[in-house]
Amino acid sequence: MKDYVIEMNGIRKEFPGIVANDNITLQVQKGEIHALLGENGAGKSTLMNVLFGLYQPEKGEIRVRGEHVHITDPNVADQLGIGMVHQHFMLIESFTVTENIILGHEPKKMGRIHLDKAAKEIQALSDRYGLRVDPYAKIESISVGMQQRVEILKTLYRGTDILILDEPTAVLTPQEIQELISIMKMLVQEGKSIILITHKLKEIMAICDRCTVIRKGRGVGTVEVRETNPDQLAAMMVGRDVNFFVEKTRAEPKQTILSLSNVSVKDARGIEVVSKLSLELKAGEIVGLAGVDGNGQSELIEAITGLRKVEAGRIALNDRDITNLPVRKVTESGVGHIPEDRHKHGLVLDFSIGENIVLQTYYQKPYSKRGVLNYPEIYKKARALIEDYDVRTPSEYTQARALSGGNQQKAIIAREVDRSPDLLIAAQPTRGLDVGAIEAIHRRLIVERDKGKAVLLMSLELDEILNVSDRIAVIYEGKIVDIVDAEKTNEQELGFLMAGGQKKKEVELSHE
């Protein structure tokens, strides 16, 4: 018999109208990185929330280090050495790193919280695992990648040796992903065990020992990663072969749809992060915007969509000046926006999925008449898009926050693509999506292109940029340093340009 640190046998978890986990078995060995793979809404996070004590199963048993246990709440999980880093971080932004980590476990001296002692312990842990976290920094002032390290530190501070990571790389840059992989390797070398929920097959192949696949709430099987490949894992996950490369004809660009002329934009600190940037997008093409995170691409997209002020320059859509127009006016002029942050700019989490699907059009007919919402029409539209875009939800009346991150993303994509705007801005459109959903979304973008629409695709995934784009604009320090044909470039050249390099011909000219 194997030495399992975690055994979940025959777990069943139900919610109103849906069976999220149906007789699932998961067995995790000591000192391994065990992947939990499945489509959006397959039940992965639910299963881990059962293990962490956030949900109670209707059936099944859990064993930790061979002992039968009842994990009634996260405090029990904590006492058993089980920690979880959730997909959406559980941090208080106005608190410091130390205050967040010790919350609920405050070290006290003579009735007072001993913050300095805790900060020193946290600094020691940070140094030990190469996390480079400042114990005194406020959460609101550090990057998303650093916030994730704080979450990991929180579990280590509490003595965790079984760590659950829920989609940990979904919001990270490629460099941060590599750093996280190094941290995970160091943790398992010390005898800790990691359960990794992910959609990214490359990561599973690179770091995981074994992989358990869930499909539609049921266990499909567990495989040794070294004995499988991405194609087999994808087929296990979605129940069919998956095409990783989108098929498309060569683009036939027509008239200019979007024109950016010497656009400058400042970030929240008042620092200019987009500087005199010019770019054109034509009807019938997809332009990929490639760059290392933090080079102005997010601020540029916010400026185009009306979310951020343009300090200088001009933005034109179909020859009409839309510079600094209100968001609704930008939308009505023919712009669709799949936002980078789905919670901040994409959804009203306490609204139903039906209400979220008409957020851009609720005030128009047939969804509104004389200022009164026509809910039968709203939910009729929602049902059609939910089915068309395979949004896994109990019903159109379900609150948006109750859906998995991937299904929230699919609802946003359904809303924006269905309107078929002249310009579709897709910022990280497949973040958190499984390979089957990614395949479908890429096809949707190609369809919009072939209908004569212009698509601006911003992604930190270079294989996505190369696969879907016709032209690729590389942004570095707020400027477009080059525009290349997607068919005539590769990851190496793009990486070189993204780091501020120049193309070979330009380098040669500069030496003459």
Protein backbone atom coordinates (compact mmCIF):
# COMPACT_ATOMS: atom_id res chain seq x y z
CA MET A 1 0.00 0.00 0.00
CA LYS A 2 1.26 3.46 -0.97
CA ASP A 3 2.16 6.05 1.65
CA TYR A 4 -0.66 8.53 1.00
CA VAL A 5 -0.79 11.81 2.93
CA ILE A 6 -4.26 12.51 1.50
CA GLU A 7 -6.99 10.05 0.56
CA MET A 8 -10.39 11.29 -0.56
CA ASN A 9 -12.60 8.27 -1.26
CA GLY A 10 -16.01 8.40 -2.98
CA ILE A 11 -16.57 12.13 -2.38
CA ARG A 12 -19.98 13.48 -3.39
CA LYS A 13 -20.85 17.17 -3.11
CA GLU A 14 -24.16 18.62 -4.26
CA PHE A 15 -25.47 22.15 -4.73
CA PRO A 16 -29.02 23.15 -5.70
CA GLY A 17 -29.54 21.85 -9.23
CA ILE A 18 -26.05 20.40 -9.68
CA VAL A 19 -23.82 17.53 -8.52
CA ALA A 20 -20.37 19.14 -8.38
CA ASN A 21 -18.47 16.01 -7.23
CA ASP A 22 -19.84 12.56 -8.02
CA ASN A 23 -17.99 9.70 -6.29
CA ILE A 24 -14.50 11.16 -6.79
CA THR A 25 -11.36 9.50 -5.40
CA LEU A 26 -8.06 11.36 -4.99
CA GLN A 27 -4.88 9.91 -3.48
CA VAL A 28 -1.81 12.10 -2.91
CA GLN A 29 1.60 10.73 -1.98
CA LYS A 30 4.02 12.38 0.42
CA GLY A 31 6.54 14.67 -1.27
CA GLU A 32 4.83 14.82 -4.67
CA ILE A 33 3.31 17.56 -6.81
CA HIS A 34 -0.07 16.13 -7.79
CA ALA A 35 -2.00 17.89 -10.56
CA LEU A 36 -5.79 18.13 -10.48
CA LEU A 37 -6.93 18.69 -14.07
CA GLY A 38 -10.38 19.30 -15.52
CA GLU A 39 -12.55 21.63 -17.58
CA ASN A 40 -13.98 24.85 -16.16
CA GLY A 41 -16.72 23.84 -13.75
CA ALA A 42 -15.58 20.19 -13.62
CA GLY A 43 -15.51 20.29 -9.81
CA LYS A 44 -11.79 20.71 -9.04
CA SER A 45 -12.06 23.71 -6.72
CA THR A 46 -15.14 22.23 -5.07
CA LEU A 47 -13.22 19.03 -4.25
CA MET A 48 -10.38 21.04 -2.74
CA ASN A 49 -12.82 23.21 -0.78
CA VAL A 50 -14.14 19.96 0.71
CA LEU A 51 -10.59 18.97 1.69
CA PHE A 52 -10.00 22.44 3.18
CA GLY A 53 -13.24 22.30 5.21
CA LEU A 54 -15.13 25.06 3.38
CA TYR A 55 -17.73 22.54 2.16
CA GLN A 56 -19.08 19.38 3.78
CA PRO A 57 -19.57 16.38 1.46
CA GLU A 58 -22.82 14.43 1.27
CA LYS A 59 -20.87 11.17 0.97
CA GLY A 60 -17.33 9.84 1.15
CA GLU A 61 -14.41 9.78 3.56
CA ILE A 62 -11.18 11.69 3.97
CA ARG A 63 -7.95 10.27 5.41
CA VAL A 64 -4.94 12.41 6.31
CA ARG A 65 -1.70 10.46 6.84
CA GLY A 66 -3.77 7.29 7.11
CA GLU A 67 -6.13 8.61 9.82
CA HIS A 68 -9.84 9.04 9.14
CA VAL A 69 -10.76 12.72 9.75
CA HIS A 70 -13.79 15.04 9.71
CA ILE A 71 -12.70 18.42 8.37
CA THR A 72 -15.58 20.57 9.55
CA ASP A 73 -13.97 23.95 8.83
CA PRO A 74 -10.64 25.50 7.71
CA ASN A 75 -9.39 25.65 11.29
CA VAL A 76 -9.48 21.85 11.42
CA ALA A 77 -7.63 21.71 8.07
CA ASP A 78 -5.09 24.14 9.50
CA GLN A 79 -4.52 21.91 12.54
CA LEU A 80 -4.01 18.94 10.17
CA GLY A 81 -1.31 20.85 8.28
CA ILE A 82 -3.46 21.54 5.19
CA GLY A 83 -3.23 25.01 3.65
CA MET A 84 -4.94 26.44 0.56
CA VAL A 85 -4.02 29.33 -1.71
CA HIS A 86 -7.27 30.26 -3.43
CA GLN A 87 -7.56 31.42 -7.04
CA HIS A 88 -8.81 34.81 -5.79
CA PHE A 89 -6.58 35.81 -2.90
CA MET A 90 -7.93 36.18 0.65
CA LEU A 91 -5.97 39.29 1.61
CA ILE A 92 -6.93 42.63 3.19
CA GLU A 93 -5.40 45.31 0.96
CA SER A 94 -5.01 47.98 3.64
CA PHE A 95 -3.10 45.58 5.96
CA THR A 96 0.61 44.89 5.79
CA VAL A 97 2.06 41.54 4.73
CA THR A 98 2.71 40.62 8.37
CA GLU A 99 -0.78 41.64 9.52
CA ASN A 100 -2.35 39.47 6.82
CA ILE A 101 -0.18 36.44 7.56
CA ILE A 102 -0.76 36.42 11.33
CA LEU A 103 -4.50 37.23 11.15
CA GLY A 104 -6.20 34.72 13.44
CA HIS A 105 -2.82 33.45 14.68
CA GLU A 106 -1.48 36.61 16.32
CA PRO A 107 1.56 36.08 18.60
CA LYS A 108 0.94 37.99 21.81
CA LYS A 109 3.17 39.30 24.56
CA MET A 110 1.58 40.60 27.75
CA GLY A 111 -1.79 40.89 25.98
CA ARG A 112 -0.32 42.80 23.02
CA ILE A 113 0.22 41.55 19.48
CA HIS A 114 3.95 41.04 18.97
CA LEU A 115 4.22 42.35 15.38
CA ASP A 116 8.02 42.70 15.33
CA LYS A 117 8.51 39.08 16.40
CA ALA A 118 6.11 37.89 13.70
CA ALA A 119 7.77 40.08 11.06
CA LYS A 120 11.18 38.58 11.87
CA GLU A 121 9.80 35.04 11.58
CA ILE A 122 8.12 35.90 8.27
CA GLN A 123 11.35 37.46 6.97
CA ALA A 124 13.24 34.28 7.92
CA LEU A 125 10.69 32.10 6.11
CA SER A 126 10.81 34.40 3.09
CA ASP A 127 14.61 34.18 2.94
CA ARG A 128 14.57 30.40 3.42
CA TYR A 129 12.33 29.81 0.42
CA GLY A 130 13.61 32.66 -1.74
CA LEU A 131 10.25 34.46 -1.72
CA ARG A 132 11.71 37.99 -1.38
CA VAL A 133 8.64 39.33 0.47
CA ASP A 134 8.82 42.54 2.53
CA PRO A 135 6.96 41.87 5.81
CA TYR A 136 6.19 45.58 6.26
CA ALA A 137 4.78 46.28 2.76
CA LYS A 138 1.06 46.95 2.37
CA ILE A 139 -0.84 44.50 0.17
CA GLU A 140 -2.27 47.32 -1.97
CA SER A 141 1.27 48.40 -2.94
CA ILE A 142 2.66 45.05 -4.13
CA SER A 143 2.19 43.11 -7.39
CA VAL A 144 -0.26 40.25 -7.90
CA GLY A 145 2.66 37.81 -8.08
CA MET A 146 3.98 39.07 -4.75
CA GLN A 147 0.50 38.81 -3.21
CA GLN A 148 0.47 35.15 -4.16
CA ARG A 149 3.79 34.68 -2.37
CA VAL A 150 2.20 36.25 0.71
CA GLU A 151 -0.56 33.63 0.51
CA ILE A 152 2.06 30.86 0.31
CA LEU A 153 3.96 32.41 3.22
CA LYS A 154 0.71 32.48 5.22
CA THR A 155 0.39 28.69 4.88
CA LEU A 156 4.08 28.09 5.70
CA TYR A 157 3.87 30.35 8.78
CA ARG A 158 1.04 28.16 10.04
CA GLY A 159 3.06 24.96 9.68
CA THR A 160 1.42 23.61 6.52
CA ASP A 161 2.98 20.53 4.91
CA ILE A 162 0.10 19.79 2.50
CA LEU A 163 -0.41 22.77 0.20
CA ILE A 164 -3.32 23.26 -2.24
CA LEU A 165 -2.66 25.79 -5.03
CA ASP A 166 -5.79 26.74 -7.00
CA GLU A 167 -4.86 28.02 -10.49
CA PRO A 168 -1.70 29.67 -9.09
CA THR A 169 -0.26 30.77 -12.45
CA ALA A 170 -3.46 32.25 -13.93
CA VAL A 171 -2.48 35.83 -13.00
CA LEU A 172 1.32 35.54 -13.18
CA THR A 173 3.81 36.71 -15.79
CA PRO A 174 6.03 34.06 -17.46
CA GLN A 175 8.95 35.10 -15.23
CA GLU A 176 6.80 34.83 -12.09
CA ILE A 177 5.61 31.39 -13.21
CA GLN A 178 9.21 30.16 -13.44
CA GLU A 179 9.92 31.59 -9.99
CA LEU A 180 6.83 29.86 -8.56
CA ILE A 181 7.90 26.54 -10.10
CA SER A 182 11.29 26.90 -8.37
CA ILE A 183 9.54 27.59 -5.06
CA MET A 184 7.31 24.54 -5.49
CA LYS A 185 10.31 22.30 -6.21
CA MET A 186 12.02 23.57 -3.07
CA LEU A 187 8.91 22.85 -0.98
CA VAL A 188 8.59 19.24 -2.11
CA GLN A 189 12.32 18.67 -1.60
CA GLU A 190 11.64 19.45 2.07
CA GLY A 191 8.98 16.73 2.16
CA LYS A 192 5.91 18.89 1.66
CA SER A 193 3.12 17.71 -0.68
CA ILE A 194 1.41 19.97 -3.22
CA ILE A 195 -1.95 19.61 -4.97
CA LEU A 196 -1.88 21.84 -8.05
CA ILE A 197 -5.16 22.81 -9.74
CA THR A 198 -4.29 24.01 -13.24
CA HIS A 199 -5.45 24.08 -16.86
CA LYS A 200 -1.94 24.52 -18.23
CA LEU A 201 -0.72 21.23 -19.65
CA LYS A 202 2.83 22.55 -20.13
CA GLU A 203 3.10 23.18 -16.40
CA ILE A 204 1.82 19.71 -15.55
CA MET A 205 4.40 18.13 -17.87
CA ALA A 206 7.17 20.35 -16.46
CA ILE A 207 6.68 19.94 -12.72
CA CYS A 208 4.05 17.38 -11.69
CA ASP A 209 4.61 13.75 -10.68
CA ARG A 210 1.05 12.48 -11.13
CA CYS A 211 -2.22 13.89 -12.46
CA THR A 212 -5.82 13.13 -11.55
CA VAL A 213 -8.37 14.13 -14.21
CA ILE A 214 -11.98 15.14 -13.46
CA ARG A 215 -14.65 15.52 -16.14
CA LYS A 216 -18.15 16.86 -15.41
CA GLY A 217 -17.84 16.12 -11.71
CA ARG A 218 -16.54 12.56 -12.07
CA GLY A 219 -13.06 11.11 -11.80
CA VAL A 220 -11.62 9.96 -15.13
CA GLY A 221 -8.39 8.51 -13.78
CA THR A 222 -4.91 9.17 -12.38
CA VAL A 223 -1.79 8.93 -14.55
CA GLU A 224 1.97 9.14 -14.08
CA VAL A 225 2.96 12.36 -15.84
CA ARG A 226 6.20 10.91 -17.24
CA GLU A 227 4.14 8.21 -18.98
CA THR A 228 1.69 10.56 -20.73
CA ASN A 229 1.69 13.65 -22.99
CA PRO A 230 -0.36 16.86 -23.42
CA ASP A 231 -2.56 15.38 -26.16
CA GLN A 232 -3.59 12.44 -23.95
CA LEU A 233 -4.24 14.69 -20.95
CA ALA A 234 -6.36 17.07 -23.06
CA ALA A 235 -8.41 14.17 -24.44
CA MET A 236 -8.96 12.79 -20.91
CA MET A 237 -10.09 16.23 -19.76
CA VAL A 238 -12.61 17.09 -22.48
CA GLY A 239 -13.51 13.62 -23.78
CA ARG A 240 -12.26 14.26 -27.33
CA ASP A 241 -9.14 15.17 -29.27
CA VAL A 242 -8.19 18.84 -28.96
CA ASN A 243 -6.55 20.93 -31.67
CA PHE A 244 -3.93 23.15 -30.03
CA PHE A 245 -3.40 25.18 -33.21
CA VAL A 246 -6.26 27.23 -34.60
CA GLU A 247 -6.89 26.81 -38.31
CA LYS A 248 -7.28 30.05 -40.22
CA THR A 249 -6.86 31.46 -43.70
CA ARG A 250 -4.49 34.35 -44.36
CA ALA A 251 -5.93 37.70 -43.28
CA GLU A 252 -7.24 40.14 -45.86
CA PRO A 253 -7.09 43.52 -44.09
CA LYS A 254 -9.31 46.30 -45.40
CA GLN A 255 -10.06 49.79 -44.10
CA THR A 256 -8.57 51.15 -40.89
CA ILE A 257 -10.82 50.62 -37.86
CA LEU A 258 -8.63 51.83 -34.98
CA SER A 259 -6.00 54.53 -35.22
CA LEU A 260 -3.75 55.50 -32.31
CA SER A 261 -1.68 58.64 -32.92
CA ASN A 262 1.06 59.66 -30.47
CA VAL A 263 -0.97 58.45 -27.49
CA SER A 264 0.45 59.04 -24.00
CA VAL A 265 -1.08 57.63 -20.81
CA LYS A 266 -0.13 57.81 -17.11
CA ASP A 267 -0.58 55.09 -14.51
CA ALA A 268 -2.20 55.44 -11.08
CA ARG A 269 1.05 56.91 -9.69
CA GLY A 270 1.06 59.68 -12.29
CA ILE A 271 4.01 58.18 -14.18
CA GLU A 272 3.83 58.13 -17.98
CA VAL A 273 3.72 54.44 -18.97
CA VAL A 274 2.52 54.85 -22.58
CA SER A 275 4.60 57.36 -24.50
CA LYS A 276 3.66 58.79 -27.92
CA LEU A 277 2.44 55.39 -29.10
CA SER A 278 1.04 55.00 -32.62
CA LEU A 279 -0.69 51.91 -34.03
CA GLU A 280 -3.33 51.02 -36.61
CA LEU A 281 -5.74 48.07 -36.75
CA LYS A 282 -7.59 47.24 -39.93
CA ALA A 283 -10.85 45.45 -40.58
CA GLY A 284 -10.32 41.72 -41.08
CA GLU A 285 -7.16 41.28 -38.99
CA ILE A 286 -6.07 40.26 -35.52
CA VAL A 287 -3.20 42.26 -34.07
CA GLY A 288 -1.48 40.72 -31.07
CA LEU A 289 -0.01 43.05 -28.45
CA ALA A 290 3.03 41.30 -26.97
CA GLY A 291 5.12 42.55 -24.09
CA VAL A 292 6.45 41.74 -20.66
CA ASP A 293 3.79 42.61 -18.08
CA GLY A 294 4.07 46.20 -16.87
CA ASN A 295 5.19 47.82 -20.12
CA GLY A 296 2.03 49.89 -20.58
CA GLN A 297 -0.24 47.44 -22.37
CA SER A 298 -2.87 47.39 -19.61
CA GLU A 299 -2.99 51.19 -19.39
CA LEU A 300 -3.18 51.47 -23.19
CA ILE A 301 -6.23 49.21 -23.34
CA GLU A 302 -7.87 51.10 -20.48
CA ALA A 303 -7.28 54.35 -22.41
CA ILE A 304 -8.86 52.98 -25.60
CA THR A 305 -11.92 51.73 -23.73
CA GLY A 306 -12.44 54.94 -21.73
CA LEU A 307 -11.34 53.54 -18.36
CA ARG A 308 -8.22 55.75 -18.19
CA LYS A 309 -7.51 59.32 -19.28
CA VAL A 310 -5.43 59.95 -22.39
CA GLU A 311 -2.85 62.62 -21.54
CA ALA A 312 -1.86 63.38 -25.14
CA GLY A 313 -2.51 62.12 -28.65
CA ARG A 314 -5.63 60.88 -30.43
CA ILE A 315 -7.66 57.67 -30.57
CA ALA A 316 -9.96 57.28 -33.57
CA LEU A 317 -12.48 54.55 -34.39
CA ASN A 318 -13.69 54.48 -37.99
CA ASP A 319 -12.21 58.01 -38.39
CA ARG A 320 -14.24 59.28 -35.42
CA ASP A 321 -12.36 60.76 -32.47
CA ILE A 322 -13.18 58.74 -29.32
CA THR A 323 -10.37 60.14 -27.16
CA ASN A 324 -11.48 60.40 -23.52
CA LEU A 325 -15.12 59.63 -24.27
CA PRO A 326 -17.12 58.05 -21.41
CA VAL A 327 -17.05 54.25 -21.34
CA ARG A 328 -20.65 53.92 -22.58
CA LYS A 329 -19.99 56.24 -25.53
CA VAL A 330 -16.89 54.20 -26.44
CA THR A 331 -18.94 51.01 -26.26
CA GLU A 332 -21.78 52.47 -28.37
CA SER A 333 -19.27 53.64 -30.98
CA GLY A 334 -18.43 49.99 -31.70
CA VAL A 335 -15.89 48.75 -29.15
CA GLY A 336 -16.13 45.43 -27.31
CA HIS A 337 -13.88 44.77 -24.33
CA ILE A 338 -12.95 41.47 -22.70
CA PRO A 339 -11.16 42.96 -19.68
CA GLU A 340 -7.95 41.74 -18.11
CA ASP A 341 -9.49 41.76 -14.61
CA ARG A 342 -12.86 40.02 -14.87
CA HIS A 343 -13.90 40.87 -11.31
CA LYS A 344 -12.94 44.54 -11.39
CA HIS A 345 -14.08 45.47 -14.90
CA GLY A 346 -16.03 42.51 -16.28
CA LEU A 347 -18.76 41.48 -13.87
CA VAL A 348 -21.05 42.62 -11.09
CA LEU A 349 -20.51 39.56 -8.90
CA ASP A 350 -23.74 39.92 -6.92
CA PHE A 351 -25.84 40.17 -10.11
CA SER A 352 -27.14 37.05 -11.82
CA ILE A 353 -25.41 35.68 -14.90
CA GLY A 354 -28.45 36.81 -16.90
CA GLU A 355 -28.06 40.39 -15.70
CA ASN A 356 -24.32 40.35 -16.36
CA ILE A 357 -24.84 39.17 -19.93
CA VAL A 358 -26.83 42.35 -20.76
CA LEU A 359 -24.63 44.82 -18.85
CA GLN A 360 -23.71 46.59 -22.11
CA THR A 361 -27.24 46.61 -23.56
CA TYR A 362 -29.74 46.49 -20.66
CA TYR A 363 -31.01 50.03 -21.39
CA GLN A 364 -31.81 49.19 -25.03
CA LYS A 365 -34.75 47.39 -26.59
CA PRO A 366 -35.93 44.65 -26.06
CA TYR A 367 -34.30 44.54 -22.60
CA SER A 368 -35.74 47.83 -21.41
CA LYS A 369 -38.88 49.84 -22.14
CA ARG A 370 -39.32 53.35 -20.77
CA GLY A 371 -36.70 52.68 -18.14
CA VAL A 372 -38.23 49.41 -16.91
CA LEU A 373 -36.20 46.22 -17.34
CA ASN A 374 -37.82 43.44 -19.36
CA TYR A 375 -36.55 40.44 -17.40
CA PRO A 376 -38.20 37.75 -19.57
CA GLU A 377 -36.22 39.07 -22.58
CA ILE A 378 -33.04 39.45 -20.51
CA TYR A 379 -33.14 35.85 -19.31
CA LYS A 380 -34.19 34.57 -22.74
CA LYS A 381 -31.04 36.14 -24.20
CA ALA A 382 -28.94 34.80 -21.33
CA ARG A 383 -30.19 31.23 -21.85
CA ALA A 384 -29.23 31.38 -25.53
CA LEU A 385 -25.69 32.64 -24.84
CA ILE A 386 -25.16 30.26 -21.91
CA GLU A 387 -25.89 27.36 -24.23
CA ASP A 388 -23.97 28.77 -27.20
CA TYR A 389 -20.80 29.48 -25.17
CA ASP A 390 -21.07 26.44 -22.87
CA VAL A 391 -21.20 28.48 -19.65
CA ARG A 392 -21.48 25.86 -16.89
CA THR A 393 -24.05 27.28 -14.46
CA PRO A 394 -27.06 25.82 -12.60
CA SER A 395 -29.24 28.49 -14.28
CA GLU A 396 -29.28 31.98 -15.73
CA TYR A 397 -30.48 33.21 -12.30
CA THR A 398 -27.30 32.06 -10.50
CA GLN A 399 -25.12 34.82 -9.01
CA ALA A 400 -21.95 35.45 -11.02
CA ARG A 401 -19.77 34.95 -7.94
CA ALA A 402 -21.02 31.36 -7.60
CA LEU A 403 -19.45 30.30 -10.93
CA SER A 404 -15.90 29.08 -11.40
CA GLY A 405 -13.43 31.65 -12.71
CA GLY A 406 -13.37 30.02 -16.14
CA ASN A 407 -17.15 30.10 -16.48
CA GLN A 408 -17.23 33.73 -15.37
CA GLN A 409 -14.77 34.40 -18.19
CA LYS A 410 -16.91 32.54 -20.72
CA ALA A 411 -19.93 34.66 -19.74
CA ILE A 412 -17.95 37.88 -20.38
CA ILE A 413 -16.70 36.59 -23.73
CA ALA A 414 -20.26 35.62 -24.70
CA ARG A 415 -21.51 39.13 -23.90
CA GLU A 416 -18.77 40.96 -25.79
CA VAL A 417 -18.41 38.72 -28.85
CA ASP A 418 -22.18 38.37 -29.36
CA ARG A 419 -22.47 42.11 -29.97
CA SER A 420 -19.97 41.71 -32.84
CA PRO A 421 -18.41 45.19 -32.41
CA ASP A 422 -16.22 46.78 -35.09
CA LEU A 423 -13.28 46.59 -32.68
CA LEU A 424 -12.99 43.71 -30.21
CA ILE A 425 -10.33 44.18 -27.54
CA ALA A 426 -9.48 40.85 -25.93
CA ALA A 427 -7.17 41.26 -22.92
CA GLN A 428 -6.03 37.90 -21.56
CA PRO A 429 -9.24 36.32 -22.98
CA THR A 430 -8.32 32.71 -22.14
CA ARG A 431 -6.91 33.32 -18.65
CA GLY A 432 -8.17 30.50 -16.43
CA LEU A 433 -9.79 28.56 -19.29
CA ASP A 434 -9.23 24.90 -20.09
CA VAL A 435 -7.83 23.74 -23.43
CA GLY A 436 -11.27 22.92 -24.86
CA ALA A 437 -12.61 26.38 -24.03
CA ILE A 438 -9.41 28.02 -25.33
CA GLU A 439 -9.86 26.22 -28.64
CA ALA A 440 -13.46 27.49 -28.89
CA ILE A 441 -12.55 31.11 -27.97
CA HIS A 442 -9.74 31.23 -30.52
CA ARG A 443 -12.20 30.08 -33.18
CA ARG A 444 -14.61 32.85 -32.13
CA LEU A 445 -11.89 35.48 -32.58
CA ILE A 446 -11.10 34.13 -36.05
CA VAL A 447 -14.81 34.23 -36.97
CA GLU A 448 -15.00 37.89 -35.93
CA ARG A 449 -11.92 38.65 -38.01
CA ASP A 450 -13.42 36.88 -41.02
CA LYS A 451 -16.61 38.94 -40.61
CA GLY A 452 -14.49 42.04 -41.23
CA LYS A 453 -13.99 43.09 -37.62
CA ALA A 454 -10.72 44.26 -36.10
CA VAL A 455 -9.40 42.34 -33.08
CA LEU A 456 -6.74 43.55 -30.64
CA LEU A 457 -5.44 40.60 -28.65
CA MET A 458 -3.36 41.27 -25.53
CA SER A 459 -1.89 38.16 -23.93
CA LEU A 460 1.10 37.20 -21.82
CA GLU A 461 1.01 33.73 -23.46
CA LEU A 462 3.36 33.94 -26.45
CA ASP A 463 2.03 30.73 -27.98
CA GLU A 464 -1.46 32.27 -27.97
CA ILE A 465 -0.16 35.48 -29.58
CA LEU A 466 1.66 33.49 -32.28
CA ASN A 467 -1.22 31.08 -32.85
CA VAL A 468 -4.07 33.58 -33.23
CA SER A 469 -2.54 36.87 -34.46
CA ASP A 470 -1.95 38.00 -38.04
CA ARG A 471 0.40 40.81 -37.05
CA ILE A 472 2.17 41.22 -33.70
CA ALA A 473 2.95 44.63 -32.19
CA VAL A 474 5.66 44.42 -29.54
CA ILE A 475 5.43 46.97 -26.73
CA TYR A 476 8.41 47.92 -24.57
CA GLU A 477 8.47 50.76 -22.02
CA GLY A 478 5.24 52.19 -23.40
CA LYS A 479 6.26 52.25 -27.06
CA ILE A 480 5.74 49.94 -30.02
CA VAL A 481 9.27 48.81 -30.83
CA ASP A 482 8.32 46.68 -33.83
CA ILE A 483 5.42 45.10 -35.73
CA VAL A 484 6.07 41.64 -37.17
CA ASP A 485 4.20 39.11 -39.28
CA ALA A 486 3.04 36.27 -37.03
CA GLU A 487 3.89 33.68 -39.68
CA LYS A 488 7.46 34.96 -40.01
CA THR A 489 8.50 35.21 -36.36
CA ASN A 490 8.96 32.95 -33.34
CA GLU A 491 9.12 33.05 -29.54
CA GLN A 492 12.86 33.76 -29.55
CA GLU A 493 12.57 36.86 -31.75
CA LEU A 494 9.53 38.11 -29.83
CA GLY A 495 11.31 37.58 -26.51
CA PHE A 496 14.31 39.54 -27.82
CA LEU A 497 12.08 42.44 -28.94
CA MET A 498 10.08 42.36 -25.68
CA ALA A 499 13.33 42.88 -23.78
CA GLY A 500 13.99 46.05 -25.78
CA GLY A 501 16.14 44.49 -28.50
CA GLN A 502 16.23 45.63 -32.11
CA LYS A 503 15.80 43.53 -35.20
CA LYS A 504 19.02 42.44 -36.91
CA LYS A 505 18.77 44.88 -39.85
CA GLU A 506 18.27 47.83 -37.51
CA VAL A 507 21.27 46.75 -35.39
CA GLU A 508 23.44 46.54 -38.51
CA LEU A 509 22.32 50.01 -39.65
CA SER A 510 23.14 51.47 -36.24
CA HIS A 511 26.73 50.17 -36.54
CA GLU A 512 27.35 51.71 -39.97
